[in-house]
Amino acid sequence: MSDRYFALLERHQKLDERLRLMQRVRSADPHEIVRLKKLKLALKDQLSRLLRRPARG
């Protein structure tokens, strides 16, 4: 798999971790939580597209 895939995967995991932490905090900004969820979903879509793309070579 490509470096791009692993970079996106790492970013997705960091967002997931941050999101879980924010959801535990009572005073967390609900708008920020929604924004993080959208970012995480967008990254998941990018990862999925990379996996579906035929391998070069």
PDB file of N, CA and C in Angstrom:
ATOM      1  N   MET A   1       0.828  -1.175   0.000  1.00  0.00           N
ATOM      2  CA  MET A   1       0.000   0.000   0.000  1.00  0.00           C
ATOM      3  C   MET A   1       0.873   1.239   0.000  1.00  0.00           C
ATOM      4  N   SER A   2       0.296   2.328  -0.421  1.00  0.00           N
ATOM      5  CA  SER A   2       1.074   3.541  -0.626  1.00  0.00           C
ATOM      6  C   SER A   2       1.298   4.338   0.664  1.00  0.00           C
ATOM      7  N   ASP A   3       2.258   5.235   0.580  1.00  0.00           N
ATOM      8  CA  ASP A   3       2.525   6.137   1.700  1.00  0.00           C
ATOM      9  C   ASP A   3       1.307   7.013   1.973  1.00  0.00           C
ATOM     10  N   ARG A   4       0.618   7.390   0.895  1.00  0.00           N
ATOM     11  CA  ARG A   4      -0.585   8.224   1.033  1.00  0.00           C
ATOM     12  C   ARG A   4      -1.649   7.486   1.845  1.00  0.00           C
ATOM     13  N   TYR A   5      -1.820   6.206   1.570  1.00  0.00           N
ATOM     14  CA  TYR A   5      -2.808   5.412   2.292  1.00  0.00           C
ATOM     15  C   TYR A   5      -2.478   5.388   3.780  1.00  0.00           C
ATOM     16  N   PHE A   6      -1.235   5.128   4.110  1.00  0.00           N
ATOM     17  CA  PHE A   6      -0.845   5.048   5.515  1.00  0.00           C
ATOM     18  C   PHE A   6      -0.947   6.410   6.208  1.00  0.00           C
ATOM     19  N   ALA A   7      -0.647   7.495   5.489  1.00  0.00           N
ATOM     20  CA  ALA A   7      -0.788   8.835   6.067  1.00  0.00           C
ATOM     21  C   ALA A   7      -2.259   9.129   6.367  1.00  0.00           C
ATOM     22  N   LEU A   8      -3.133   8.775   5.424  1.00  0.00           N
ATOM     23  CA  LEU A   8      -4.571   8.973   5.643  1.00  0.00           C
ATOM     24  C   LEU A   8      -5.073   8.099   6.786  1.00  0.00           C
ATOM     25  N   LEU A   9      -4.599   6.872   6.846  1.00  0.00           N
ATOM     26  CA  LEU A   9      -5.007   5.960   7.909  1.00  0.00           C
ATOM     27  C   LEU A   9      -4.566   6.488   9.278  1.00  0.00           C
ATOM     28  N   GLU A  10      -3.355   7.000   9.354  1.00  0.00           N
ATOM     29  CA  GLU A  10      -2.861   7.558  10.607  1.00  0.00           C
ATOM     30  C   GLU A  10      -3.693   8.775  11.024  1.00  0.00           C
ATOM     31  N   ARG A  11      -4.008   9.629  10.065  1.00  0.00           N
ATOM     32  CA  ARG A  11      -4.834  10.809  10.361  1.00  0.00           C
ATOM     33  C   ARG A  11      -6.227  10.391  10.833  1.00  0.00           C
ATOM     34  N   HIS A  12      -6.783   9.367  10.196  1.00  0.00           N
ATOM     35  CA  HIS A  12      -8.104   8.852  10.576  1.00  0.00           C
ATOM     36  C   HIS A  12      -8.070   8.340  12.021  1.00  0.00           C
ATOM     37  N   GLN A  13      -7.034   7.618  12.367  1.00  0.00           N
ATOM     38  CA  GLN A  13      -6.913   7.075  13.718  1.00  0.00           C
ATOM     39  C   GLN A  13      -6.761   8.181  14.763  1.00  0.00           C
ATOM     40  N   LYS A  14      -6.007   9.227  14.426  1.00  0.00           N
ATOM     41  CA  LYS A  14      -5.835  10.343  15.351  1.00  0.00           C
ATOM     42  C   LYS A  14      -7.155  11.086  15.554  1.00  0.00           C
ATOM     43  N   LEU A  15      -7.904  11.270  14.464  1.00  0.00           N
ATOM     44  CA  LEU A  15      -9.216  11.899  14.579  1.00  0.00           C
ATOM     45  C   LEU A  15     -10.144  11.057  15.438  1.00  0.00           C
ATOM     46  N   ASP A  16     -10.099   9.761  15.249  1.00  0.00           N
ATOM     47  CA  ASP A  16     -10.938   8.850  16.021  1.00  0.00           C
ATOM     48  C   ASP A  16     -10.612   8.962  17.508  1.00  0.00           C
ATOM     49  N   GLU A  17      -9.343   9.002  17.828  1.00  0.00           N
ATOM     50  CA  GLU A  17      -8.918   9.116  19.222  1.00  0.00           C
ATOM     51  C   GLU A  17      -9.371  10.452  19.817  1.00  0.00           C
ATOM     52  N   ARG A  18      -9.176  11.521  19.072  1.00  0.00           N
ATOM     53  CA  ARG A  18      -9.588  12.849  19.539  1.00  0.00           C
ATOM     54  C   ARG A  18     -11.102  12.916  19.734  1.00  0.00           C
ATOM     55  N   LEU A  19     -11.827  12.321  18.813  1.00  0.00           N
ATOM     56  CA  LEU A  19     -13.283  12.305  18.885  1.00  0.00           C
ATOM     57  C   LEU A  19     -13.757  11.558  20.122  1.00  0.00           C
ATOM     58  N   ARG A  20     -13.167  10.418  20.392  1.00  0.00           N
ATOM     59  CA  ARG A  20     -13.542   9.646  21.591  1.00  0.00           C
ATOM     60  C   ARG A  20     -13.282  10.432  22.866  1.00  0.00           C
ATOM     61  N   LEU A  21     -12.156  11.127  22.907  1.00  0.00           N
ATOM     62  CA  LEU A  21     -11.845  11.942  24.086  1.00  0.00           C
ATOM     63  C   LEU A  21     -12.859  13.073  24.260  1.00  0.00           C
ATOM     64  N   MET A  22     -13.195  13.726  23.176  1.00  0.00           N
ATOM     65  CA  MET A  22     -14.148  14.832  23.252  1.00  0.00           C
ATOM     66  C   MET A  22     -15.538  14.357  23.671  1.00  0.00           C
ATOM     67  N   GLN A  23     -15.930  13.190  23.242  1.00  0.00           N
ATOM     68  CA  GLN A  23     -17.255  12.682  23.572  1.00  0.00           C
ATOM     69  C   GLN A  23     -17.363  12.326  25.049  1.00  0.00           C
ATOM     70  N   ARG A  24     -16.243  12.112  25.706  1.00  0.00           N
ATOM     71  CA  ARG A  24     -16.258  11.816  27.143  1.00  0.00           C
ATOM     72  C   ARG A  24     -16.392  13.084  27.983  1.00  0.00           C
ATOM     73  N   VAL A  25     -15.983  14.205  27.416  1.00  0.00           N
ATOM     74  CA  VAL A  25     -15.991  15.475  28.138  1.00  0.00           C
ATOM     75  C   VAL A  25     -17.378  16.103  28.035  1.00  0.00           C
ATOM     76  N   ARG A  26     -17.913  16.427  29.169  1.00  0.00           N
ATOM     77  CA  ARG A  26     -19.265  16.983  29.212  1.00  0.00           C
ATOM     78  C   ARG A  26     -19.357  18.351  28.546  1.00  0.00           C
ATOM     79  N   SER A  27     -18.315  19.138  28.681  1.00  0.00           N
ATOM     80  CA  SER A  27     -18.335  20.505  28.165  1.00  0.00           C
ATOM     81  C   SER A  27     -17.836  20.610  26.720  1.00  0.00           C
ATOM     82  N   ALA A  28     -17.702  19.493  26.041  1.00  0.00           N
ATOM     83  CA  ALA A  28     -17.194  19.500  24.665  1.00  0.00           C
ATOM     84  C   ALA A  28     -18.171  20.222  23.737  1.00  0.00           C
ATOM     85  N   ASP A  29     -17.614  20.917  22.781  1.00  0.00           N
ATOM     86  CA  ASP A  29     -18.407  21.659  21.802  1.00  0.00           C
ATOM     87  C   ASP A  29     -19.067  20.680  20.831  1.00  0.00           C
ATOM     88  N   PRO A  30     -20.402  20.629  20.801  1.00  0.00           N
ATOM     89  CA  PRO A  30     -21.083  19.678  19.913  1.00  0.00           C
ATOM     90  C   PRO A  30     -20.815  19.961  18.432  1.00  0.00           C
ATOM     91  N   HIS A  31     -20.577  21.225  18.098  1.00  0.00           N
ATOM     92  CA  HIS A  31     -20.273  21.564  16.702  1.00  0.00           C
ATOM     93  C   HIS A  31     -18.905  21.021  16.287  1.00  0.00           C
ATOM     94  N   GLU A  32     -17.971  21.058  17.215  1.00  0.00           N
ATOM     95  CA  GLU A  32     -16.635  20.505  16.945  1.00  0.00           C
ATOM     96  C   GLU A  32     -16.711  18.989  16.784  1.00  0.00           C
ATOM     97  N   ILE A  33     -17.536  18.347  17.573  1.00  0.00           N
ATOM     98  CA  ILE A  33     -17.712  16.891  17.453  1.00  0.00           C
ATOM     99  C   ILE A  33     -18.280  16.544  16.079  1.00  0.00           C
ATOM    100  N   VAL A  34     -19.268  17.293  15.625  1.00  0.00           N
ATOM    101  CA  VAL A  34     -19.845  17.050  14.300  1.00  0.00           C
ATOM    102  C   VAL A  34     -18.803  17.279  13.211  1.00  0.00           C
ATOM    103  N   ARG A  35     -18.003  18.343  13.363  1.00  0.00           N
ATOM    104  CA  ARG A  35     -16.955  18.638  12.380  1.00  0.00           C
ATOM    105  C   ARG A  35     -15.936  17.500  12.306  1.00  0.00           C
ATOM    106  N   LEU A  36     -15.540  16.983  13.467  1.00  0.00           N
ATOM    107  CA  LEU A  36     -14.577  15.882  13.499  1.00  0.00           C
ATOM    108  C   LEU A  36     -15.162  14.619  12.873  1.00  0.00           C
ATOM    109  N   LYS A  37     -16.436  14.363  13.125  1.00  0.00           N
ATOM    110  CA  LYS A  37     -17.079  13.189  12.528  1.00  0.00           C
ATOM    111  C   LYS A  37     -17.109  13.293  11.013  1.00  0.00           C
ATOM    112  N   LYS A  38     -17.380  14.490  10.502  1.00  0.00           N
ATOM    113  CA  LYS A  38     -17.398  14.690   9.046  1.00  0.00           C
ATOM    114  C   LYS A  38     -16.006  14.502   8.450  1.00  0.00           C
ATOM    115  N   LEU A  39     -15.000  15.035   9.141  1.00  0.00           N
ATOM    116  CA  LEU A  39     -13.618  14.856   8.669  1.00  0.00           C
ATOM    117  C   LEU A  39     -13.235  13.379   8.654  1.00  0.00           C
ATOM    118  N   LYS A  40     -13.605  12.685   9.698  1.00  0.00           N
ATOM    119  CA  LYS A  40     -13.294  11.259   9.806  1.00  0.00           C
ATOM    120  C   LYS A  40     -13.971  10.474   8.681  1.00  0.00           C
ATOM    121  N   LEU A  41     -15.220  10.810   8.404  1.00  0.00           N
ATOM    122  CA  LEU A  41     -15.939  10.135   7.322  1.00  0.00           C
ATOM    123  C   LEU A  41     -15.307  10.438   5.966  1.00  0.00           C
ATOM    124  N   ALA A  42     -14.885  11.681   5.752  1.00  0.00           N
ATOM    125  CA  ALA A  42     -14.229  12.043   4.495  1.00  0.00           C
ATOM    126  C   ALA A  42     -12.929  11.265   4.320  1.00  0.00           C
ATOM    127  N   LEU A  43     -12.178  11.113   5.397  1.00  0.00           N
ATOM    128  CA  LEU A  43     -10.937  10.329   5.326  1.00  0.00           C
ATOM    129  C   LEU A  43     -11.234   8.865   5.035  1.00  0.00           C
ATOM    130  N   LYS A  44     -12.287   8.351   5.639  1.00  0.00           N
ATOM    131  CA  LYS A  44     -12.672   6.959   5.391  1.00  0.00           C
ATOM    132  C   LYS A  44     -13.031   6.762   3.918  1.00  0.00           C
ATOM    133  N   ASP A  45     -13.731   7.720   3.344  1.00  0.00           N
ATOM    134  CA  ASP A  45     -14.074   7.650   1.922  1.00  0.00           C
ATOM    135  C   ASP A  45     -12.828   7.679   1.045  1.00  0.00           C
ATOM    136  N   GLN A  46     -11.866   8.525   1.399  1.00  0.00           N
ATOM    137  CA  GLN A  46     -10.620   8.586   0.632  1.00  0.00           C
ATOM    138  C   GLN A  46      -9.867   7.261   0.719  1.00  0.00           C
ATOM    139  N   LEU A  47      -9.824   6.683   1.900  1.00  0.00           N
ATOM    140  CA  LEU A  47      -9.156   5.388   2.076  1.00  0.00           C
ATOM    141  C   LEU A  47      -9.839   4.313   1.240  1.00  0.00           C
ATOM    142  N   SER A  48     -11.141   4.332   1.231  1.00  0.00           N
ATOM    143  CA  SER A  48     -11.900   3.357   0.463  1.00  0.00           C
ATOM    144  C   SER A  48     -11.619   3.499  -1.033  1.00  0.00           C
ATOM    145  N   ARG A  49     -11.565   4.736  -1.516  1.00  0.00           N
ATOM    146  CA  ARG A  49     -11.271   4.967  -2.944  1.00  0.00           C
ATOM    147  C   ARG A  49      -9.878   4.475  -3.299  1.00  0.00           C
ATOM    148  N   LEU A  50      -8.925   4.690  -2.395  1.00  0.00           N
ATOM    149  CA  LEU A  50      -7.553   4.223  -2.663  1.00  0.00           C
ATOM    150  C   LEU A  50      -7.493   2.709  -2.758  1.00  0.00           C
ATOM    151  N   LEU A  51      -8.270   2.021  -1.939  1.00  0.00           N
ATOM    152  CA  LEU A  51      -8.270   0.556  -1.962  1.00  0.00           C
ATOM    153  C   LEU A  51      -8.925   0.017  -3.221  1.00  0.00           C
ATOM    154  N   ARG A  52      -9.921   0.729  -3.734  1.00  0.00           N
ATOM    155  CA  ARG A  52     -10.620   0.267  -4.930  1.00  0.00           C
ATOM    156  C   ARG A  52      -9.851   0.529  -6.217  1.00  0.00           C
ATOM    157  N   ARG A  53      -8.917   1.453  -6.165  1.00  0.00           N
ATOM    158  CA  ARG A  53      -8.145   1.817  -7.350  1.00  0.00           C
ATOM    159  C   ARG A  53      -7.230   0.650  -7.744  1.00  0.00           C
ATOM    160  N   PRO A  54      -7.191   0.307  -9.025  1.00  0.00           N
ATOM    161  CA  PRO A  54      -6.313  -0.809  -9.441  1.00  0.00           C
ATOM    162  C   PRO A  54      -4.836  -0.490  -9.182  1.00  0.00           C
ATOM    163  N   ALA A  55      -4.103  -1.500  -8.822  1.00  0.00           N
ATOM    164  CA  ALA A  55      -2.679  -1.333  -8.532  1.00  0.00           C
ATOM    165  C   ALA A  55      -1.918  -1.024  -9.804  1.00  0.00           C
ATOM    166  N   ARG A  56      -0.927  -0.159  -9.678  1.00  0.00           N
ATOM    167  CA  ARG A  56      -0.099   0.199 -10.840  1.00  0.00           C
ATOM    168  C   ARG A  56       1.062  -0.793 -10.933  1.00  0.00           C
ATOM    169  N   GLY A  57       1.465  -1.039 -12.151  1.00  0.00           N
ATOM    170  CA  GLY A  57       2.658  -1.861 -12.266  1.00  0.00           C
ATOM    171  C   GLY A  57       2.499  -3.016 -13.074  1.00  0.00           C
TER     172      GLY A  57
END
